[in-house]
Protein backbone atom coordinates (compact mmCIF):
# COMPACT_ATOMS: atom_id res chain seq x y z
CA UNK A 1 -3.27 -16.27 13.04
CA UNK A 2 -2.33 -19.92 12.50
CA UNK A 3 1.16 -20.00 10.93
CA UNK A 4 0.09 -23.08 8.96
CA UNK A 5 -1.99 -20.73 6.82
CA UNK A 6 1.14 -18.96 5.63
CA UNK A 7 2.10 -21.80 3.29
CA UNK A 8 -0.86 -23.98 2.40
CA UNK A 9 -1.24 -24.56 -1.38
CA UNK A 10 -4.49 -26.50 -0.85
CA UNK A 11 -6.02 -23.50 0.88
CA UNK A 12 -4.97 -21.20 -1.94
CA UNK A 13 -6.52 -23.57 -4.50
CA UNK A 14 -9.79 -23.72 -2.59
CA UNK A 15 -9.96 -19.96 -2.27
CA UNK A 16 -9.35 -19.56 -6.01
CA UNK A 17 -12.44 -21.72 -6.70
CA UNK A 18 -14.61 -19.77 -4.26
CA UNK A 19 -13.40 -16.37 -5.50
CA UNK A 20 -16.15 -16.22 -8.17
CA UNK A 21 -18.75 -15.55 -5.46
CA UNK A 22 -20.98 -18.46 -6.54
CA UNK A 23 -22.21 -21.47 -4.55
CA UNK A 24 -20.03 -24.58 -4.72
CA UNK A 25 -20.97 -27.85 -3.05
CA UNK A 26 -18.47 -29.70 -0.92
CA UNK A 27 -18.66 -32.60 -3.35
CA UNK A 28 -17.89 -30.38 -6.36
CA UNK A 29 -14.98 -28.70 -4.59
CA UNK A 30 -13.62 -32.07 -3.49
CA UNK A 31 -13.79 -33.46 -7.02
CA UNK A 32 -12.08 -30.43 -8.53
CA UNK A 33 -9.30 -30.49 -5.96
CA UNK A 34 -9.01 -34.28 -5.73
CA UNK A 35 -9.79 -34.51 -2.02
CA UNK A 36 -12.67 -35.68 0.18
CA UNK A 37 -15.60 -33.57 1.34
CA UNK A 38 -14.23 -33.88 4.86
CA UNK A 39 -10.92 -32.39 3.69
CA UNK A 40 -12.85 -29.51 2.10
CA UNK A 41 -14.69 -28.89 5.38
CA UNK A 42 -11.38 -28.72 7.23
CA UNK A 43 -9.99 -26.24 4.73
CA UNK A 44 -13.13 -24.12 5.06
CA UNK A 45 -12.49 -23.89 8.81
CA UNK A 46 -9.07 -22.44 8.01
CA UNK A 47 -10.62 -19.90 5.65
CA UNK A 48 -12.81 -18.69 8.50
CA UNK A 49 -9.62 -17.51 10.24
CA UNK A 50 -9.14 -15.04 7.38
CA UNK A 51 -12.42 -13.33 8.38
CA UNK A 52 -13.83 -13.65 4.87
CA UNK A 53 -17.61 -13.42 4.28
CA UNK A 54 -17.91 -17.16 3.74
CA UNK A 55 -21.36 -18.72 4.12
CA UNK A 56 -22.61 -22.30 4.07
CA UNK A 57 -26.15 -23.08 2.91
CA UNK A 58 -27.67 -26.56 3.11
CA UNK A 59 -28.32 -27.97 -0.35
CA UNK A 60 -26.23 -25.31 -2.09
CA UNK A 61 -22.79 -25.46 -0.50
CA UNK A 62 -20.22 -22.79 0.26
CA UNK A 63 -20.20 -19.24 -1.06
CA UNK A 64 -17.81 -16.32 -0.72
CA UNK A 65 -20.24 -13.41 -0.71
CA UNK A 66 -19.38 -10.73 -3.21
CA UNK A 67 -16.53 -12.77 -4.63
CA UNK A 68 -12.87 -11.84 -4.45
CA UNK A 69 -10.27 -10.69 -6.96
CA UNK A 70 -7.10 -12.47 -5.91
CA UNK A 71 -3.79 -11.01 -7.02
CA UNK A 72 -2.43 -12.80 -10.08
CA UNK A 73 1.31 -12.62 -10.69
CA UNK A 74 1.06 -13.36 -14.41
CA UNK A 75 -1.57 -10.65 -15.00
CA UNK A 76 0.45 -8.09 -13.03
CA UNK A 77 3.69 -8.85 -14.88
CA UNK A 78 2.03 -8.82 -18.30
CA UNK A 79 0.45 -5.42 -17.61
CA UNK A 80 3.64 -3.69 -16.43
CA UNK A 81 4.98 -0.68 -18.28
CA UNK A 82 7.65 -2.11 -20.64
CA UNK A 83 10.00 0.67 -19.54
CA UNK A 84 10.41 -0.85 -16.07
CA UNK A 85 10.64 -4.55 -16.88
CA UNK A 86 14.44 -4.36 -17.07
CA UNK A 87 14.74 -2.99 -13.51
CA UNK A 88 12.33 -5.43 -11.85
CA UNK A 89 14.52 -8.29 -10.60
CA UNK A 90 11.81 -10.31 -8.82
CA UNK A 91 8.10 -10.11 -8.07
CA UNK A 92 7.04 -12.25 -5.11
CA UNK A 93 3.37 -12.72 -4.28
CA UNK A 94 2.69 -13.97 -0.75
CA UNK A 95 -0.60 -15.38 0.49
CA UNK A 96 -0.05 -14.19 4.07
CA UNK A 97 2.95 -12.54 5.71
CA UNK A 98 3.75 -10.55 8.82
CA UNK A 99 4.83 -7.45 6.87
CA UNK A 100 5.80 -6.89 3.25
CA UNK A 101 8.29 -4.27 4.41
CA UNK A 102 9.96 -6.73 6.78
CA UNK A 103 10.14 -9.28 3.97
CA UNK A 104 11.62 -6.75 1.55
CA UNK A 105 14.10 -5.51 4.17
CA UNK A 106 15.48 -9.04 4.47
CA UNK A 107 15.95 -9.10 0.69
CA UNK A 108 17.53 -5.64 0.76
CA UNK A 109 19.96 -6.79 3.46
CA UNK A 110 21.11 -9.45 1.00
CA UNK A 111 21.77 -6.72 -1.56
CA UNK A 112 18.77 -7.49 -3.75
CA UNK A 113 17.49 -4.41 -5.55
CA UNK A 114 14.44 -4.07 -7.76
CA UNK A 115 12.63 -6.67 -5.67
CA UNK A 116 8.85 -6.28 -5.25
CA UNK A 117 6.84 -8.02 -2.54
CA UNK A 118 3.03 -8.26 -2.53
CA UNK A 119 0.76 -9.93 0.01
CA UNK A 120 -2.93 -10.75 0.18
CA UNK A 121 -2.82 -10.06 3.92
CA UNK A 122 -0.41 -8.82 6.59
CA UNK A 123 -0.60 -9.93 10.20
CA UNK A 124 1.73 -7.16 11.42
CA UNK A 125 1.53 -4.45 8.78
CA UNK A 126 3.27 -1.26 9.85
CA UNK A 127 2.58 2.41 9.29
CA UNK A 128 4.59 5.43 10.37
CA UNK A 129 5.36 6.11 14.02
CA UNK A 130 4.88 2.45 14.93
CA UNK A 131 1.20 2.37 14.02
CA UNK A 132 -0.51 -0.83 12.93
CA UNK A 133 -1.62 -0.86 9.28
CA UNK A 134 -5.03 -2.53 8.99
CA UNK A 135 -4.60 -5.29 6.39
CA UNK A 136 -7.72 -7.41 5.73
CA UNK A 137 -7.35 -10.35 3.36
CA UNK A 138 -7.66 -9.83 -0.39
CA UNK A 139 -9.18 -6.35 -0.22
CA UNK A 140 -6.38 -3.81 -0.48
CA UNK A 141 -2.84 -3.51 -1.84
CA UNK A 142 0.15 -4.17 0.43
CA UNK A 143 3.34 -3.62 -1.54
CA UNK A 144 7.04 -3.15 -0.77
CA UNK A 145 9.97 -2.49 -3.12
CA UNK A 146 13.66 -2.71 -2.28
CA UNK A 147 15.94 -0.34 -4.15
CA UNK A 148 19.65 0.51 -4.07
CA UNK A 149 21.08 4.01 -3.80
CA UNK A 150 24.78 4.79 -4.06
CA UNK A 151 24.86 8.25 -2.49
CA UNK A 152 23.70 7.54 1.05
CA UNK A 153 20.77 8.74 3.10
CA UNK A 154 21.28 12.38 2.10
CA UNK A 155 20.22 11.58 -1.45
CA UNK A 156 16.90 10.22 -0.21
CA UNK A 157 15.45 13.50 1.04
CA UNK A 158 12.02 13.98 -0.43
CA UNK A 159 11.70 10.37 -1.63
CA UNK A 160 8.51 9.72 0.34
CA UNK A 161 6.96 12.80 -1.28
CA UNK A 162 7.95 11.61 -4.76
CA UNK A 163 6.38 8.23 -4.00
CA UNK A 164 3.18 10.01 -2.94
CA UNK A 165 3.18 11.83 -6.29
CA UNK A 166 3.42 8.45 -8.03
CA UNK A 167 0.49 7.12 -6.01
CA UNK A 168 -1.63 10.11 -6.88
CA UNK A 169 -0.89 9.66 -10.58
CA UNK A 170 -2.11 6.06 -10.48
CA UNK A 171 -5.29 6.91 -8.57
CA UNK A 172 -6.08 9.83 -10.85
CA UNK A 173 -5.64 7.62 -13.91
CA UNK A 174 -8.06 5.13 -12.31
CA UNK A 175 -10.74 7.84 -12.26
CA UNK A 176 -10.59 9.14 -8.69
CA UNK A 177 -11.07 12.84 -8.00
CA UNK A 178 -10.46 15.00 -4.95
CA UNK A 179 -6.94 13.63 -4.52
CA UNK A 180 -4.44 15.53 -2.37
CA UNK A 181 -1.03 14.95 -0.79
CA UNK A 182 -0.33 15.41 2.91
CA UNK A 183 3.24 15.89 4.05
CA UNK A 184 5.26 13.79 4.52
CA UNK A 185 3.70 10.59 3.14
CA UNK A 186 -0.08 10.35 2.99
CA UNK A 187 -2.44 10.44 0.03
CA UNK A 188 -5.93 11.78 0.69
CA UNK A 189 -9.15 11.51 -1.27
CA UNK A 190 -11.80 14.10 -0.39
CA UNK A 191 -9.87 14.82 2.83
CA UNK A 192 -9.81 11.17 3.91
CA UNK A 193 -6.73 8.96 3.92
CA UNK A 194 -6.66 6.46 1.08
CA UNK A 195 -2.96 5.46 1.09
CA UNK A 196 0.15 5.65 3.23
CA UNK A 197 3.89 5.25 2.70
CA UNK A 198 6.61 3.82 4.94
CA UNK A 199 10.30 4.10 4.00
CA UNK A 200 12.97 2.01 5.77
CA UNK A 201 16.69 1.93 5.08
CA UNK A 202 19.51 -0.54 5.57
CA UNK A 203 23.19 -0.38 4.64
CA UNK A 204 25.63 2.56 4.88
CA UNK A 205 23.90 5.90 5.64
CA UNK A 206 26.87 7.71 4.08
CA UNK A 207 27.33 5.45 1.04
CA UNK A 208 25.73 2.51 -0.70
CA UNK A 209 22.41 1.74 0.97
CA UNK A 210 19.16 -0.06 0.30
CA UNK A 211 15.75 1.49 0.80
CA UNK A 212 12.44 -0.31 1.15
CA UNK A 213 9.42 1.64 -0.07
CA UNK A 214 6.26 0.30 1.55
CA UNK A 215 2.82 1.30 0.28
CA UNK A 216 -0.59 0.51 1.67
CA UNK A 217 -3.54 1.41 -0.57
CA UNK A 218 -7.16 1.01 0.52
CA UNK A 219 -8.97 -0.56 -2.42
CA UNK A 220 -12.13 -2.10 -0.93
CA UNK A 221 -11.82 -1.80 2.84
CA UNK A 222 -14.55 -3.69 4.77
CA UNK A 223 -16.25 -1.55 7.42
CA UNK A 224 -15.68 -4.19 10.07
CA UNK A 225 -11.96 -4.40 9.41
CA UNK A 226 -11.63 -0.62 9.53
CA UNK A 227 -12.99 -0.35 13.07
CA UNK A 228 -9.47 0.08 14.45
CA UNK A 229 -8.46 2.95 12.14
CA UNK A 230 -8.09 6.12 14.21
CA UNK A 231 -8.52 8.72 11.45
CA UNK A 232 -10.94 9.47 8.59
CA UNK A 233 -10.34 6.98 5.78
CA UNK A 234 -11.71 6.03 2.40
CA UNK A 235 -11.02 3.54 -0.38
CA UNK A 236 -10.90 3.29 -4.16
CA UNK A 237 -14.10 1.35 -4.78
CA UNK A 238 -16.40 3.50 -2.63
CA UNK A 239 -15.21 6.64 -4.46
CA UNK A 240 -15.74 5.04 -7.87
CA UNK A 241 -19.24 3.88 -6.86
CA UNK A 242 -20.09 7.39 -5.69
CA UNK A 243 -18.98 8.75 -9.07
CA UNK A 244 -21.09 6.16 -10.91
CA UNK A 245 -18.01 4.41 -12.29
CA UNK A 246 -17.30 0.66 -12.51
CA UNK A 247 -15.05 -0.90 -9.85
CA UNK A 248 -11.31 -0.93 -10.40
CA UNK A 249 -9.37 -4.14 -10.90
CA UNK A 250 -7.01 -4.77 -8.00
CA UNK A 251 -4.55 -6.45 -10.38
CA UNK A 252 -4.63 -3.50 -12.78
CA UNK A 253 -4.10 -1.04 -9.93
CA UNK A 254 -1.21 -3.13 -8.60
CA UNK A 255 0.51 -3.31 -11.98
CA UNK A 256 0.09 0.43 -12.57
CA UNK A 257 1.41 1.19 -9.09
CA UNK A 258 4.49 -1.00 -9.47
CA UNK A 259 5.22 0.58 -12.85
CA UNK A 260 4.93 4.15 -11.58
CA UNK A 261 6.96 3.45 -8.43
CA UNK A 262 9.78 1.78 -10.34
CA UNK A 263 9.93 4.75 -12.72
CA UNK A 264 10.22 7.15 -9.78
CA UNK A 265 12.87 5.07 -8.04
CA UNK A 266 14.91 4.70 -11.22
CA UNK A 267 14.92 8.45 -11.80
CA UNK A 268 15.07 9.77 -8.25
CA UNK A 269 18.79 9.45 -7.52
CA UNK A 270 19.59 11.42 -10.69
CA UNK A 271 16.85 14.03 -10.43
CA UNK A 272 16.00 14.13 -6.72
CA UNK A 273 12.78 15.60 -5.38
CA UNK A 274 13.16 18.70 -7.54
CA UNK A 275 11.65 16.79 -10.47
CA UNK A 276 8.43 16.18 -8.47
CA UNK A 277 8.19 19.34 -6.37
CA UNK A 278 5.84 21.33 -8.60
CA UNK A 279 3.47 18.40 -8.94
CA UNK A 280 3.48 17.96 -5.17
CA UNK A 281 2.76 21.67 -4.57
CA UNK A 282 -0.11 21.59 -7.07
CA UNK A 283 -1.85 18.96 -4.96
CA UNK A 284 -0.66 19.79 -1.42
CA UNK A 285 -3.58 19.36 0.98
CA UNK A 286 -2.44 21.94 3.54
CA UNK A 287 -0.47 24.61 1.70
CA UNK A 288 -1.58 28.11 2.72
CA UNK A 289 -3.39 26.80 5.82
CA UNK A 290 -2.67 27.14 9.50
CA UNK A 291 -1.20 23.86 10.72
CA UNK A 292 0.10 22.22 13.86
CA UNK A 293 3.26 20.13 13.80
CA UNK A 294 4.13 17.77 16.65
CA UNK A 295 7.61 16.30 17.12
CA UNK A 296 8.32 14.49 20.42
CA UNK A 297 7.26 16.99 23.12
CA UNK A 298 7.42 19.99 20.81
CA UNK A 299 4.40 21.60 19.19
CA UNK A 300 4.85 24.22 16.45
CA UNK A 301 1.99 26.22 14.94
CA UNK A 302 2.24 28.24 11.78
CA UNK A 303 1.07 28.70 8.21
CA UNK A 304 2.27 26.12 5.72
CA UNK A 305 3.89 27.85 2.75
CA UNK A 306 4.91 24.72 0.83
CA UNK A 307 7.82 22.31 0.64
CA UNK A 308 11.45 23.07 -0.14
CA UNK A 309 13.64 21.72 -2.97
CA UNK A 310 14.50 18.62 -0.92
CA UNK A 311 11.00 18.06 0.46
CA UNK A 312 11.34 19.90 3.76
CA UNK A 313 8.14 21.36 5.20
CA UNK A 314 8.12 25.17 5.07
CA UNK A 315 6.26 26.94 7.86
CA UNK A 316 5.71 30.62 8.48
CA UNK A 317 5.96 30.83 12.27
CA UNK A 318 5.11 34.34 13.43
CA UNK A 319 6.61 35.87 10.32
CA UNK A 320 9.73 33.70 10.22
CA UNK A 321 10.28 30.86 7.75
CA UNK A 322 11.23 27.56 9.37
CA UNK A 323 12.07 24.23 7.74
CA UNK A 324 11.10 20.83 9.14
CA UNK A 325 12.17 17.44 7.87
CA UNK A 326 10.48 14.04 7.97
CA UNK A 327 10.82 11.49 10.74
CA UNK A 328 8.75 11.04 13.87
CA UNK A 329 6.54 14.05 13.27
CA UNK A 330 2.80 14.57 12.92
CA UNK A 331 1.16 17.30 10.85
CA UNK A 332 -2.45 18.36 10.90
CA UNK A 333 -4.62 21.37 10.14
CA UNK A 334 -4.85 23.68 13.15
CA UNK A 335 -8.19 23.58 14.95
């Protein structure tokens, strides 16, 4: 990806005009942006790098097929739950970035808490266990929040599960059904992954620390972009279409998600995971099933009996209860 795309106001302005999905001639676009048709053509070549469905038809001009709902900072802020506006210190909306988590970690390292970072696209989005998070332009939600905790890493046990509960609440309110939670930090819809969570920490593990909560939510994932995903996946819009419901607004989803996450983060250090445990158990995708857990070179098979008060995975292994904590582990239903 050309780094010049990362900070090009002219490109953002052009994309905003094309986002309606209608044909626009080069002359019209040039007049509205105060540049020549040649300058428009050059900007269009840059847009092609974003792999957007942009077409050019002689006599009609340029068209972004299907249109595009760009994130709008003003709309998102206006729609926030009033209860969280006092804890949001900054909302930054990036056109392109390497990773919203990396950006938020830099802010967290400076001691900034209550900072929210959004991006239209990530060039190096990260999932758990070093996996790449597929991040096509303008289609999904890539969001990271930095937050301060005073009690060290021990107070964070179960936080990823509480965040998953928040995600499920937002998706359920948007009209999705078949939602389930998969330990330690995936949200499923009809047994397919729709969202993932990545937590990263900086600061003192035994005292004051900053945590970045990263969320990736599939809203309208293009089939072509999803070719590299190595597990069953789904998105918001395809599920709503299947249910005969209108598409969701990406801005509305983003605002609802920020609101719910900030509420969870504000309350978590006081209440811990215990406040979210019953809701998690009610929607646990694997509870009561035979599962296989992989950690490094170790493989453990057993029946999942739930999660403990701090979010630990509870397995019945040959009649004995064993607890497992998050980290570099993988959990799946036993074959």
